[in-house]
Amino acid sequence: MANIAENLSAADRPSVFGRILAEFRSGMQKRRVYNRTYTELSNLSTRELDDLGISRSMISRLAYEAAHGK
């Protein structure tokens, strides 16, 4: 059975520019998730963070994990 990618014509395959643009968009989306998560956690009081079991030193790591996964 032939590979699907081999059956695609050059016009059907994503161009280099298209792949770069897709990666850029993905990166921007991850950055937005990171920034939103970081901001929301940073705006919580120490008491609220304690209730969630989060220390202030964990905020950056948690925001990264929210954006990029574990």
N, C-alpha and C. Protein backbone atom coordinates (compact mmCIF):
# COMPACT_ATOMS: atom_id res chain seq x y z
N MET A 1 0.86 -1.18 0.00
CA MET A 1 0.00 0.00 0.00
C MET A 1 0.90 1.24 0.00
N ALA A 2 0.61 2.15 -0.86
CA ALA A 2 1.43 3.34 -1.02
C ALA A 2 1.18 4.30 0.14
N ASN A 3 2.21 5.01 0.50
CA ASN A 3 2.12 6.02 1.54
C ASN A 3 1.24 7.16 1.04
N ILE A 4 0.39 7.68 1.91
CA ILE A 4 -0.53 8.76 1.53
C ILE A 4 0.25 9.98 1.06
N ALA A 5 1.35 10.30 1.74
CA ALA A 5 2.14 11.48 1.36
C ALA A 5 2.69 11.34 -0.05
N GLU A 6 2.99 10.11 -0.49
CA GLU A 6 3.52 9.91 -1.82
C GLU A 6 2.45 10.16 -2.88
N ASN A 7 1.18 9.97 -2.51
CA ASN A 7 0.09 10.15 -3.46
C ASN A 7 -0.33 11.61 -3.62
N LEU A 8 0.12 12.48 -2.74
CA LEU A 8 -0.25 13.88 -2.84
C LEU A 8 0.61 14.57 -3.88
N SER A 9 0.00 15.40 -4.66
CA SER A 9 0.78 16.18 -5.61
C SER A 9 1.48 17.31 -4.85
N ALA A 10 2.42 17.95 -5.49
CA ALA A 10 3.15 19.04 -4.84
C ALA A 10 2.21 20.16 -4.42
N ALA A 11 1.15 20.39 -5.17
CA ALA A 11 0.20 21.46 -4.85
C ALA A 11 -0.61 21.12 -3.60
N ASP A 12 -0.80 19.83 -3.31
CA ASP A 12 -1.60 19.42 -2.16
C ASP A 12 -0.80 19.42 -0.86
N ARG A 13 0.51 19.36 -0.95
CA ARG A 13 1.34 19.34 0.26
C ARG A 13 1.48 20.75 0.80
N PRO A 14 1.55 20.87 2.14
CA PRO A 14 1.74 22.22 2.71
C PRO A 14 3.10 22.78 2.28
N SER A 15 3.10 24.03 1.93
CA SER A 15 4.35 24.67 1.53
C SER A 15 5.20 24.95 2.77
N VAL A 16 6.44 25.24 2.54
CA VAL A 16 7.33 25.59 3.64
C VAL A 16 6.78 26.80 4.37
N PHE A 17 6.32 27.79 3.62
CA PHE A 17 5.74 28.97 4.24
C PHE A 17 4.52 28.61 5.06
N GLY A 18 3.69 27.72 4.55
CA GLY A 18 2.50 27.29 5.27
C GLY A 18 2.84 26.60 6.58
N ARG A 19 3.88 25.78 6.55
CA ARG A 19 4.31 25.10 7.79
C ARG A 19 4.88 26.09 8.79
N ILE A 20 5.67 27.04 8.29
CA ILE A 20 6.24 28.06 9.18
C ILE A 20 5.12 28.90 9.79
N LEU A 21 4.14 29.27 8.98
CA LEU A 21 3.02 30.06 9.47
C LEU A 21 2.22 29.27 10.51
N ALA A 22 2.01 27.99 10.28
CA ALA A 22 1.28 27.15 11.23
C ALA A 22 2.03 27.06 12.55
N GLU A 23 3.36 26.89 12.48
CA GLU A 23 4.16 26.83 13.71
C GLU A 23 4.13 28.16 14.45
N PHE A 24 4.17 29.26 13.70
CA PHE A 24 4.11 30.58 14.31
C PHE A 24 2.78 30.78 15.04
N ARG A 25 1.69 30.40 14.38
CA ARG A 25 0.37 30.53 15.00
C ARG A 25 0.26 29.66 16.24
N SER A 26 0.79 28.46 16.16
CA SER A 26 0.76 27.56 17.31
C SER A 26 1.55 28.16 18.47
N GLY A 27 2.70 28.73 18.17
CA GLY A 27 3.51 29.37 19.20
C GLY A 27 2.82 30.56 19.83
N MET A 28 2.16 31.34 18.99
CA MET A 28 1.43 32.51 19.51
C MET A 28 0.26 32.07 20.40
N GLN A 29 -0.42 31.01 20.01
CA GLN A 29 -1.53 30.50 20.81
C GLN A 29 -1.02 30.00 22.16
N LYS A 30 0.11 29.29 22.15
CA LYS A 30 0.69 28.81 23.40
C LYS A 30 1.11 29.98 24.28
N ARG A 31 1.65 31.02 23.67
CA ARG A 31 2.06 32.20 24.44
C ARG A 31 0.87 32.89 25.08
N ARG A 32 -0.25 32.96 24.35
CA ARG A 32 -1.46 33.57 24.92
C ARG A 32 -1.97 32.76 26.11
N VAL A 33 -1.95 31.44 25.99
CA VAL A 33 -2.39 30.58 27.10
C VAL A 33 -1.46 30.79 28.29
N TYR A 34 -0.15 30.83 28.04
CA TYR A 34 0.82 31.05 29.12
C TYR A 34 0.55 32.39 29.82
N ASN A 35 0.43 33.45 29.03
CA ASN A 35 0.23 34.79 29.61
C ASN A 35 -1.07 34.88 30.40
N ARG A 36 -2.15 34.32 29.85
CA ARG A 36 -3.44 34.37 30.53
C ARG A 36 -3.39 33.59 31.85
N THR A 37 -2.81 32.40 31.81
CA THR A 37 -2.71 31.57 33.01
C THR A 37 -1.83 32.26 34.05
N TYR A 38 -0.69 32.78 33.62
CA TYR A 38 0.23 33.45 34.54
C TYR A 38 -0.45 34.64 35.20
N THR A 39 -1.14 35.45 34.40
CA THR A 39 -1.81 36.64 34.92
C THR A 39 -2.91 36.27 35.91
N GLU A 40 -3.73 35.28 35.55
CA GLU A 40 -4.82 34.89 36.44
C GLU A 40 -4.30 34.36 37.76
N LEU A 41 -3.27 33.51 37.72
CA LEU A 41 -2.72 32.98 38.97
C LEU A 41 -2.03 34.07 39.78
N SER A 42 -1.34 34.97 39.11
CA SER A 42 -0.64 36.05 39.81
C SER A 42 -1.61 37.00 40.51
N ASN A 43 -2.81 37.13 39.96
CA ASN A 43 -3.79 38.03 40.54
C ASN A 43 -4.50 37.44 41.76
N LEU A 44 -4.32 36.15 42.00
CA LEU A 44 -4.93 35.54 43.18
C LEU A 44 -4.16 35.94 44.44
N SER A 45 -4.88 36.02 45.53
CA SER A 45 -4.21 36.33 46.80
C SER A 45 -3.44 35.10 47.28
N THR A 46 -2.55 35.33 48.21
CA THR A 46 -1.78 34.22 48.78
C THR A 46 -2.71 33.21 49.42
N ARG A 47 -3.75 33.68 50.04
CA ARG A 47 -4.73 32.79 50.67
C ARG A 47 -5.41 31.90 49.63
N GLU A 48 -5.81 32.51 48.52
CA GLU A 48 -6.47 31.74 47.46
C GLU A 48 -5.51 30.70 46.86
N LEU A 49 -4.25 31.12 46.67
CA LEU A 49 -3.26 30.17 46.14
C LEU A 49 -3.04 29.02 47.13
N ASP A 50 -2.98 29.35 48.43
CA ASP A 50 -2.82 28.31 49.44
C ASP A 50 -3.98 27.32 49.41
N ASP A 51 -5.19 27.84 49.21
CA ASP A 51 -6.37 26.97 49.13
C ASP A 51 -6.26 26.01 47.95
N LEU A 52 -5.61 26.44 46.88
CA LEU A 52 -5.42 25.60 45.70
C LEU A 52 -4.18 24.72 45.80
N GLY A 53 -3.38 24.93 46.84
CA GLY A 53 -2.15 24.16 46.99
C GLY A 53 -1.04 24.64 46.08
N ILE A 54 -1.06 25.93 45.78
CA ILE A 54 -0.07 26.52 44.87
C ILE A 54 0.71 27.59 45.61
N SER A 55 2.04 27.54 45.45
CA SER A 55 2.86 28.63 46.00
C SER A 55 3.19 29.59 44.86
N ARG A 56 3.54 30.81 45.19
CA ARG A 56 3.85 31.81 44.16
C ARG A 56 5.00 31.36 43.27
N SER A 57 5.93 30.60 43.81
CA SER A 57 7.07 30.15 43.02
C SER A 57 6.67 29.12 41.97
N MET A 58 5.49 28.57 42.05
CA MET A 58 5.03 27.56 41.10
C MET A 58 4.28 28.15 39.92
N ILE A 59 3.94 29.42 39.97
CA ILE A 59 3.07 30.02 38.96
C ILE A 59 3.66 29.91 37.56
N SER A 60 4.92 30.24 37.40
CA SER A 60 5.54 30.20 36.07
C SER A 60 5.51 28.79 35.49
N ARG A 61 5.85 27.80 36.31
CA ARG A 61 5.86 26.41 35.84
C ARG A 61 4.46 25.94 35.47
N LEU A 62 3.48 26.30 36.29
CA LEU A 62 2.10 25.90 36.00
C LEU A 62 1.58 26.55 34.71
N ALA A 63 1.94 27.79 34.49
CA ALA A 63 1.53 28.47 33.27
C ALA A 63 2.19 27.82 32.05
N TYR A 64 3.45 27.43 32.19
CA TYR A 64 4.15 26.74 31.11
C TYR A 64 3.48 25.41 30.79
N GLU A 65 3.15 24.66 31.83
CA GLU A 65 2.49 23.36 31.65
C GLU A 65 1.11 23.53 31.02
N ALA A 66 0.41 24.59 31.38
CA ALA A 66 -0.91 24.84 30.77
C ALA A 66 -0.77 25.10 29.28
N ALA A 67 0.28 25.78 28.89
CA ALA A 67 0.47 26.13 27.48
C ALA A 67 1.07 24.99 26.66
N HIS A 68 2.01 24.27 27.25
CA HIS A 68 2.77 23.27 26.48
C HIS A 68 2.48 21.84 26.86
N GLY A 69 1.71 21.64 27.92
CA GLY A 69 1.46 20.28 28.38
C GLY A 69 2.64 19.77 29.21
N LYS A 70 2.43 18.64 29.82
CA LYS A 70 3.50 18.08 30.67
C LYS A 70 4.43 17.24 29.88
